[in-house]
Amino acid sequence: MKLVIQRAKNASVSVDGSIVGKIDKGLVVLLGVGPNDTKQTADVLIKKLINLRIFTDENYKMNLSLKDVNGGLLIISQFTLYANCKNGNRPSFTDAAPAKLAEELYEYFVSECKNLGINTNTGIFGEHMEVSLINDGPVTILLEG
């Protein structure tokens, strides 16, 4: 599982011109699922994600977590995180999980974040989406599990 995490002042995701998910202060998470990922993989990354201290404290040090700042999550599925560009100029996506597994683990990831009391919004799995955000910092973190 691969996560690209961006600290945001605000963010939204649209499908067919309509906003389907949005947050104010929080994290935008682009989530890709690999073929060997499991719920246990997701659990480890969820714990890391919500406790990651990447928000600034009163001394402008990255010392606060998503929970500390009562931030939101905007989680967007993105199989292209598994693009393989080693051969030629056209990416191969054979390293990504099959759609059924990817959707199952994406939905599990989202539901577990919600179960932890985090304000969690999403895009729509498998749809063409447009993501807008103001990256705060900018801060962008990569996590893999």
Protein backbone atom coordinates (compact mmCIF):
# COMPACT_ATOMS: atom_id res chain seq x y z
CA MET A 1 0.00 0.00 0.00
CA LYS A 2 1.29 3.43 -0.93
CA LEU A 3 0.13 6.76 0.45
CA VAL A 4 0.99 10.24 -0.75
CA ILE A 5 0.00 12.57 2.09
CA GLN A 6 -0.34 16.31 1.61
CA ARG A 7 -0.98 18.70 4.47
CA ALA A 8 -3.75 20.99 3.29
CA LYS A 9 -5.43 24.23 4.34
CA ASN A 10 -8.46 22.97 2.41
CA ALA A 11 -9.17 20.49 -0.34
CA SER A 12 -11.94 19.04 -2.45
CA VAL A 13 -12.51 16.32 -5.00
CA SER A 14 -15.03 16.54 -7.83
CA VAL A 15 -16.60 14.01 -10.19
CA ASP A 16 -18.38 15.28 -13.31
CA GLY A 17 -18.14 18.86 -12.02
CA SER A 18 -19.77 18.12 -8.65
CA ILE A 19 -17.86 18.17 -5.36
CA VAL A 20 -18.13 14.72 -3.76
CA GLY A 21 -15.74 15.28 -0.85
CA LYS A 22 -14.06 18.20 0.87
CA ILE A 23 -12.17 19.14 4.00
CA ASP A 24 -10.86 22.23 5.67
CA LYS A 25 -7.55 21.86 7.56
CA GLY A 26 -6.28 18.32 7.29
CA LEU A 27 -4.63 15.77 5.07
CA VAL A 28 -5.22 14.76 1.47
CA VAL A 29 -4.31 11.11 1.06
CA LEU A 30 -3.77 9.54 -2.35
CA LEU A 31 -4.02 5.82 -1.68
CA GLY A 32 -2.75 3.03 -3.91
CA VAL A 33 -3.21 -0.66 -3.17
CA GLY A 34 -0.76 -3.39 -4.16
CA PRO A 35 -1.61 -7.04 -4.83
CA ASN A 36 -0.09 -8.29 -1.56
CA ASP A 37 -1.74 -5.72 0.71
CA THR A 38 -4.07 -6.79 3.52
CA LYS A 39 -6.22 -5.26 6.22
CA GLN A 40 -3.20 -5.56 8.50
CA THR A 41 -1.19 -3.44 6.04
CA ALA A 42 -3.97 -0.85 6.14
CA ASP A 43 -4.14 -0.91 9.96
CA VAL A 44 -0.42 -0.14 10.29
CA LEU A 45 -0.63 2.76 7.85
CA ILE A 46 -3.82 4.17 9.41
CA LYS A 47 -2.15 4.28 12.81
CA LYS A 48 0.91 5.97 11.31
CA LEU A 49 -1.23 8.42 9.30
CA ILE A 50 -3.39 9.74 12.11
CA ASN A 51 -0.46 10.00 14.53
CA LEU A 52 2.03 11.52 12.06
CA ARG A 53 3.23 14.77 13.62
CA ILE A 54 3.29 17.07 10.59
CA PHE A 55 1.19 20.02 11.80
CA THR A 56 2.96 22.97 13.40
CA ASP A 57 2.72 23.85 17.05
CA GLU A 58 2.91 27.33 18.61
CA ASN A 59 6.69 27.34 17.96
CA TYR A 60 6.23 26.53 14.24
CA LYS A 61 7.68 23.05 14.72
CA MET A 62 6.03 20.03 13.11
CA ASN A 63 4.92 18.49 16.36
CA LEU A 64 1.15 17.97 16.13
CA SER A 65 -0.86 15.12 14.62
CA LEU A 66 -4.10 15.12 12.68
CA LYS A 67 -5.89 14.22 15.92
CA ASP A 68 -4.18 17.06 17.80
CA VAL A 69 -5.48 19.67 15.35
CA ASN A 70 -8.88 18.02 14.84
CA GLY A 71 -8.15 17.86 11.12
CA GLY A 72 -10.01 16.09 8.38
CA LEU A 73 -9.00 13.44 5.88
CA LEU A 74 -9.74 13.47 2.17
CA ILE A 75 -8.88 9.99 0.91
CA ILE A 76 -8.70 9.40 -2.84
CA SER A 77 -7.98 6.08 -4.53
CA GLN A 78 -5.08 6.26 -6.97
CA PHE A 79 -3.84 3.09 -8.63
CA THR A 80 -1.32 5.13 -10.64
CA LEU A 81 0.92 5.18 -7.54
CA TYR A 82 1.89 1.68 -8.72
CA ALA A 83 2.97 2.84 -12.18
CA ASN A 84 6.06 1.08 -13.47
CA CYS A 85 8.00 3.29 -15.87
CA LYS A 86 11.18 1.23 -16.17
CA ASN A 87 10.59 0.11 -19.76
CA GLY A 88 9.62 2.58 -22.44
CA ASN A 89 7.59 5.73 -21.99
CA ARG A 90 4.15 4.30 -21.29
CA PRO A 91 3.56 3.34 -17.65
CA SER A 92 2.53 -0.20 -16.82
CA PHE A 93 0.06 -0.70 -13.98
CA THR A 94 0.47 -4.46 -13.54
CA ASP A 95 1.97 -3.84 -10.08
CA ALA A 96 -1.34 -2.44 -8.80
CA ALA A 97 -3.85 -4.67 -7.03
CA PRO A 98 -6.81 -6.04 -9.01
CA ALA A 99 -9.78 -3.65 -8.82
CA LYS A 100 -11.85 -5.86 -6.49
CA LEU A 101 -9.09 -6.13 -3.87
CA ALA A 102 -8.13 -2.48 -4.26
CA GLU A 103 -11.70 -1.30 -3.70
CA GLU A 104 -12.18 -3.62 -0.72
CA LEU A 105 -9.02 -2.34 1.02
CA TYR A 106 -9.74 1.28 0.08
CA GLU A 107 -13.22 1.02 1.63
CA TYR A 108 -11.75 -0.71 4.69
CA PHE A 109 -9.14 2.06 5.07
CA VAL A 110 -11.84 4.75 4.89
CA SER A 111 -14.19 2.99 7.32
CA GLU A 112 -11.43 2.44 9.88
CA CYS A 113 -10.49 6.13 9.77
CA LYS A 114 -14.14 7.03 10.33
CA ASN A 115 -14.38 4.49 13.17
CA LEU A 116 -11.50 6.30 14.87
CA GLY A 117 -13.58 9.48 14.93
CA ILE A 118 -11.68 11.26 12.16
CA ASN A 119 -13.74 13.51 9.86
CA THR A 120 -13.17 11.50 6.68
CA ASN A 121 -14.29 12.34 3.16
CA THR A 122 -13.53 10.57 -0.11
CA GLY A 123 -13.59 10.61 -3.83
CA ILE A 124 -15.38 7.87 -5.74
CA PHE A 125 -13.42 4.69 -6.37
CA GLY A 126 -12.73 4.05 -10.05
CA GLU A 127 -14.04 7.41 -11.27
CA HIS A 128 -12.17 10.17 -13.06
CA MET A 129 -11.68 12.81 -10.35
CA GLU A 130 -10.43 16.36 -10.14
CA VAL A 131 -8.60 17.20 -6.92
CA SER A 132 -8.12 20.76 -5.70
CA LEU A 133 -6.10 21.67 -2.66
CA ILE A 134 -4.00 24.30 -1.03
CA ASN A 135 -0.94 22.38 0.14
CA ASP A 136 0.11 23.93 3.44
CA GLY A 137 3.88 24.29 3.68
CA PRO A 138 4.11 22.63 1.23
CA VAL A 139 4.28 19.39 3.15
CA THR A 140 4.13 16.11 1.23
CA ILE A 141 4.99 12.76 2.82
CA LEU A 142 5.23 9.30 1.24
CA LEU A 143 4.29 6.22 3.27
CA GLU A 144 4.50 2.61 2.18
CA GLY A 145 3.47 -0.53 3.93
